[in-house]
Protein backbone atom coordinates (compact mmCIF):
# COMPACT_ATOMS: atom_id res chain seq x y z
CA MET A 1 189.69 161.62 63.00
CA ALA A 2 191.01 158.12 64.29
CA ILE A 3 190.74 158.44 67.80
CA ALA A 4 186.96 159.79 67.08
CA SER A 5 185.96 156.65 65.20
CA ALA A 6 187.94 154.33 67.27
CA ARG A 7 185.52 156.04 69.91
CA SER A 8 182.09 155.53 67.85
CA LEU A 9 182.78 151.46 67.04
CA LYS A 10 183.78 150.91 70.96
CA ARG A 11 179.79 152.79 71.44
CA LEU A 12 178.18 151.24 68.78
CA ARG A 13 179.49 147.73 70.52
CA GLY A 14 178.65 148.31 73.27
CA HIS A 15 174.43 149.08 72.33
CA LEU A 16 174.50 145.75 70.13
CA THR A 17 176.01 144.25 73.29
CA LYS A 18 173.46 145.09 75.43
CA PRO A 19 170.81 143.33 73.89
CA GLU A 20 171.61 139.99 73.58
CA SER A 21 171.62 140.57 77.21
CA PHE A 22 168.78 141.29 77.92
CA CYS A 23 167.29 138.51 75.54
CA THR A 24 169.54 135.91 77.12
CA SER A 25 168.06 137.05 80.81
CA ILE A 26 164.28 137.48 79.54
CA LEU A 27 164.94 133.92 78.05
CA GLY A 28 166.31 132.25 81.25
CA LYS A 29 163.48 133.53 83.30
CA VAL A 30 160.81 131.85 80.68
CA PHE A 31 162.57 128.28 81.02
CA LEU A 32 162.72 129.25 84.97
CA LEU A 33 158.68 129.41 85.27
CA LEU A 34 158.28 126.74 83.16
CA GLY A 35 160.68 124.14 85.15
CA LEU A 36 158.01 125.50 87.75
CA LEU A 37 154.84 124.76 86.09
CA THR A 38 155.95 121.69 84.95
CA PRO A 39 155.23 120.09 87.73
CA LEU A 40 152.19 122.05 88.91
CA GLY A 41 151.28 120.44 85.53
CA ALA A 42 152.12 117.00 86.58
CA ILE A 43 150.40 117.27 89.78
CA THR A 44 147.46 117.87 88.23
CA GLY A 45 147.02 115.93 85.43
CA CYS A 46 147.57 113.31 88.02
CA ALA A 47 144.91 114.55 91.10
CA GLY A 48 142.49 114.62 87.50
CA LEU A 49 143.45 110.73 87.15
CA THR A 50 143.11 110.08 90.35
CA SER A 51 139.41 111.74 89.78
CA SER A 52 138.02 110.00 87.34
CA ALA A 53 138.98 106.75 88.62
CA SER A 54 136.78 107.60 91.84
CA THR A 55 134.11 108.42 90.33
CA THR A 56 133.66 105.91 87.26
CA GLY A 57 131.00 102.86 87.77
CA ASN A 58 128.26 102.28 90.20
CA PRO A 59 128.63 101.28 93.60
CA PRO A 60 128.24 97.90 94.61
CA PRO A 61 124.61 96.96 96.06
CA ALA A 62 124.00 97.14 99.13
CA ALA A 63 124.00 93.53 101.07
CA LEU A 64 119.85 91.86 101.92
CA ASP A 65 120.24 91.42 105.45
CA ILE A 66 117.19 89.99 106.88
CA THR A 67 116.40 90.53 111.01
CA ASN A 68 114.00 90.54 113.55
CA VAL A 69 112.56 87.60 112.19
CA GLN A 70 109.31 86.29 114.65
CA ALA A 71 105.55 83.44 114.53
CA ALA A 72 103.20 85.87 115.97
CA ALA A 73 100.10 85.49 116.36
CA ASN A 74 99.85 81.27 115.94
CA THR A 75 96.44 79.76 116.35
CA THR A 76 94.79 76.18 116.13
CA SER A 77 95.82 76.34 112.32
CA THR A 78 97.54 79.77 111.57
CA ALA A 79 100.49 81.25 112.11
CA GLN A 80 101.85 84.98 111.09
CA ILE A 81 105.65 85.33 110.05
CA VAL A 82 106.72 88.93 110.12
CA TRP A 83 110.60 89.94 109.81
CA THR A 84 112.84 93.01 108.33
CA THR A 85 115.66 93.90 105.98
CA ASN A 86 117.30 96.81 105.40
CA VAL A 87 116.54 97.53 101.93
CA THR A 88 113.27 96.68 100.26
CA ALA A 89 112.62 93.34 99.16
CA ASN A 90 109.49 90.73 98.44
CA SER A 91 108.79 87.90 101.09
CA ALA A 92 107.81 84.37 100.48
CA VAL A 93 107.90 81.44 103.59
CA ASP A 94 108.91 78.10 103.13
CA TYR A 95 107.92 76.21 105.82
CA GLY A 96 106.58 72.20 106.89
CA THR A 97 106.91 70.21 110.16
CA GLY A 98 110.65 68.92 109.18
CA THR A 99 113.74 70.89 108.43
CA SER A 100 113.29 70.30 104.61
CA TYR A 101 110.13 72.00 104.43
CA GLY A 102 108.37 71.18 101.96
CA TYR A 103 105.85 74.24 101.54
CA SER A 104 106.42 77.58 99.64
CA THR A 105 103.45 80.74 100.12
CA PRO A 106 103.66 82.79 96.90
CA VAL A 107 106.41 85.16 96.79
CA ASP A 108 103.70 88.49 97.39
CA SER A 109 106.22 91.25 95.15
CA ALA A 110 105.41 94.19 97.06
CA MET A 111 109.17 95.77 98.29
CA VAL A 112 108.78 96.55 101.62
CA THR A 113 111.27 96.89 104.35
CA SER A 114 108.34 95.35 107.15
CA HIS A 115 107.19 91.96 105.99
CA GLN A 116 104.19 89.88 106.60
CA VAL A 117 103.37 86.46 105.61
CA THR A 118 100.67 84.28 107.18
CA LEU A 119 100.48 80.10 107.58
CA SER A 120 97.62 78.49 107.18
CA GLY A 121 96.38 75.19 107.17
CA LEU A 122 98.44 74.01 109.80
CA ALA A 123 97.81 71.09 112.47
CA ALA A 124 96.33 72.02 115.97
CA GLY A 125 99.90 71.03 118.28
CA THR A 126 102.24 71.07 115.72
CA THR A 127 105.64 71.76 115.67
CA TYR A 128 106.45 74.15 112.39
CA TYR A 129 110.36 74.89 111.10
CA TYR A 130 110.91 77.24 108.81
CA GLN A 131 112.70 79.41 106.36
CA VAL A 132 111.75 83.18 105.09
CA ASN A 133 113.33 84.69 101.93
CA SER A 134 113.37 88.02 100.01
CA THR A 135 114.79 89.24 96.87
CA ASP A 136 115.46 93.26 95.87
CA SER A 137 115.02 94.93 93.05
CA ASN A 138 119.04 94.27 92.22
CA GLY A 139 117.74 90.45 92.33
CA ASN A 140 120.45 90.26 96.16
CA HIS A 141 118.10 87.12 97.63
CA GLY A 142 118.52 86.76 101.40
CA HIS A 143 117.51 83.98 103.49
CA SER A 144 116.76 83.09 107.64
CA GLY A 145 116.37 79.32 108.10
CA GLY A 146 115.85 76.55 110.80
CA HIS A 147 113.11 78.76 113.24
CA THR A 148 110.16 76.36 114.55
CA PHE A 149 106.64 77.73 116.08
CA LYS A 150 103.75 75.31 117.64
CA THR A 151 100.70 76.04 116.70
CA SER A 152 97.62 75.79 119.63
CA ALA A 153 96.18 72.60 120.83
CA GLY A 154 93.25 73.78 121.04
CA VAL A 155 90.18 71.97 123.04
CA SER A 156 90.96 69.04 125.19
CA ILE A 157 88.28 67.45 125.88
CA THR A 158 88.22 64.40 128.48
CA THR A 159 85.39 62.15 130.60
CA GLN A 160 84.80 60.23 133.69
CA PRO A 161 83.93 58.16 133.83
CA ALA A 162 85.12 57.50 129.73
CA SER A 163 82.25 55.05 129.47
CA GLN A 164 78.72 54.22 131.14
CA THR A 165 76.22 51.07 130.41
CA VAL A 166 72.85 51.85 131.09
CA THR A 167 69.38 50.48 130.91
CA ALA A 168 66.23 52.44 130.30
CA GLY A 169 65.03 54.15 133.33
CA GLN A 170 68.74 54.50 134.99
CA THR A 171 70.51 58.14 134.77
CA ALA A 172 73.55 58.27 133.37
CA SER A 173 75.93 60.52 134.60
CA PHE A 174 79.89 62.56 133.02
CA SER A 175 82.44 64.89 134.66
CA VAL A 176 83.58 66.44 131.20
CA ALA A 177 86.70 68.71 132.03
CA ALA A 178 87.49 70.55 129.28
CA LEU A 179 91.06 72.00 128.74
CA LEU A 180 91.39 75.76 126.37
CA VAL A 181 94.89 77.36 125.24
CA ALA A 182 95.15 80.07 127.78
CA LEU A 183 92.65 79.41 130.07
CA PRO A 184 92.02 77.34 132.83
CA ALA A 185 90.57 73.63 132.33
CA VAL A 186 86.06 74.16 133.28
CA LEU A 187 84.59 71.30 134.74
CA LEU A 188 81.27 70.28 133.25
CA THR A 189 78.81 68.04 134.20
CA THR A 190 75.78 67.16 132.54
CA THR A 191 72.90 64.49 133.49
CA VAL A 192 70.71 62.36 131.23
CA ASN A 193 68.15 60.08 131.47
CA SER A 194 67.90 58.38 127.94
CA ALA A 195 68.58 55.05 126.87
CA PRO A 196 69.97 54.12 124.42
CA LEU A 197 73.16 56.05 125.39
CA SER A 198 74.61 57.30 121.55
CA GLU A 199 75.97 60.20 122.44
CA LEU A 200 76.33 62.99 125.14
CA VAL A 201 75.74 66.15 125.31
CA VAL A 202 77.62 68.24 126.97
CA ALA A 203 75.70 71.97 127.33
CA GLY A 204 77.78 75.22 129.32
CA VAL A 205 79.43 78.15 129.38
CA VAL A 206 83.71 78.14 128.64
């Protein structure tokens, strides 16, 4: 009877020790799994912070660049100033007969990348200095100065001889040379048969 009781007690102890070992094993695996997942969580958190930082705020505005500045279609009293910008912007020109300019066109508020401003009221055969200006919608301002152009000289008329003294009945003959821009000199001759000689009238086709 005592032997049976001892065997029963041993079996009971065996049953009691198994759940403790099982629980210890399960807890160990849980802790191991948590240990493996913790670095991943930290990495994910850092990645999230990095991604958030990279998308925060607006990108810096592009710089306004001015290129291809030219003076075209010059006449005796006008000139056309053209230039381009890398972003849409308004247009204005400072100009004058010296490097300090002195005159400015009104600002053309049209936002464009190909700019064109016409200068008028210029003196013939004169060198002008100019600077182009543009401002974009973000307030970025750009300018390009120190450029020059020269207006056309127009027509230059000379006579040979420069003057004559005549009396009534005499004939006065003059040779008149008219020099036109971009054309060869054209020689015109006229004869005046009146006195007193107060003006020379030149008739011809140039």
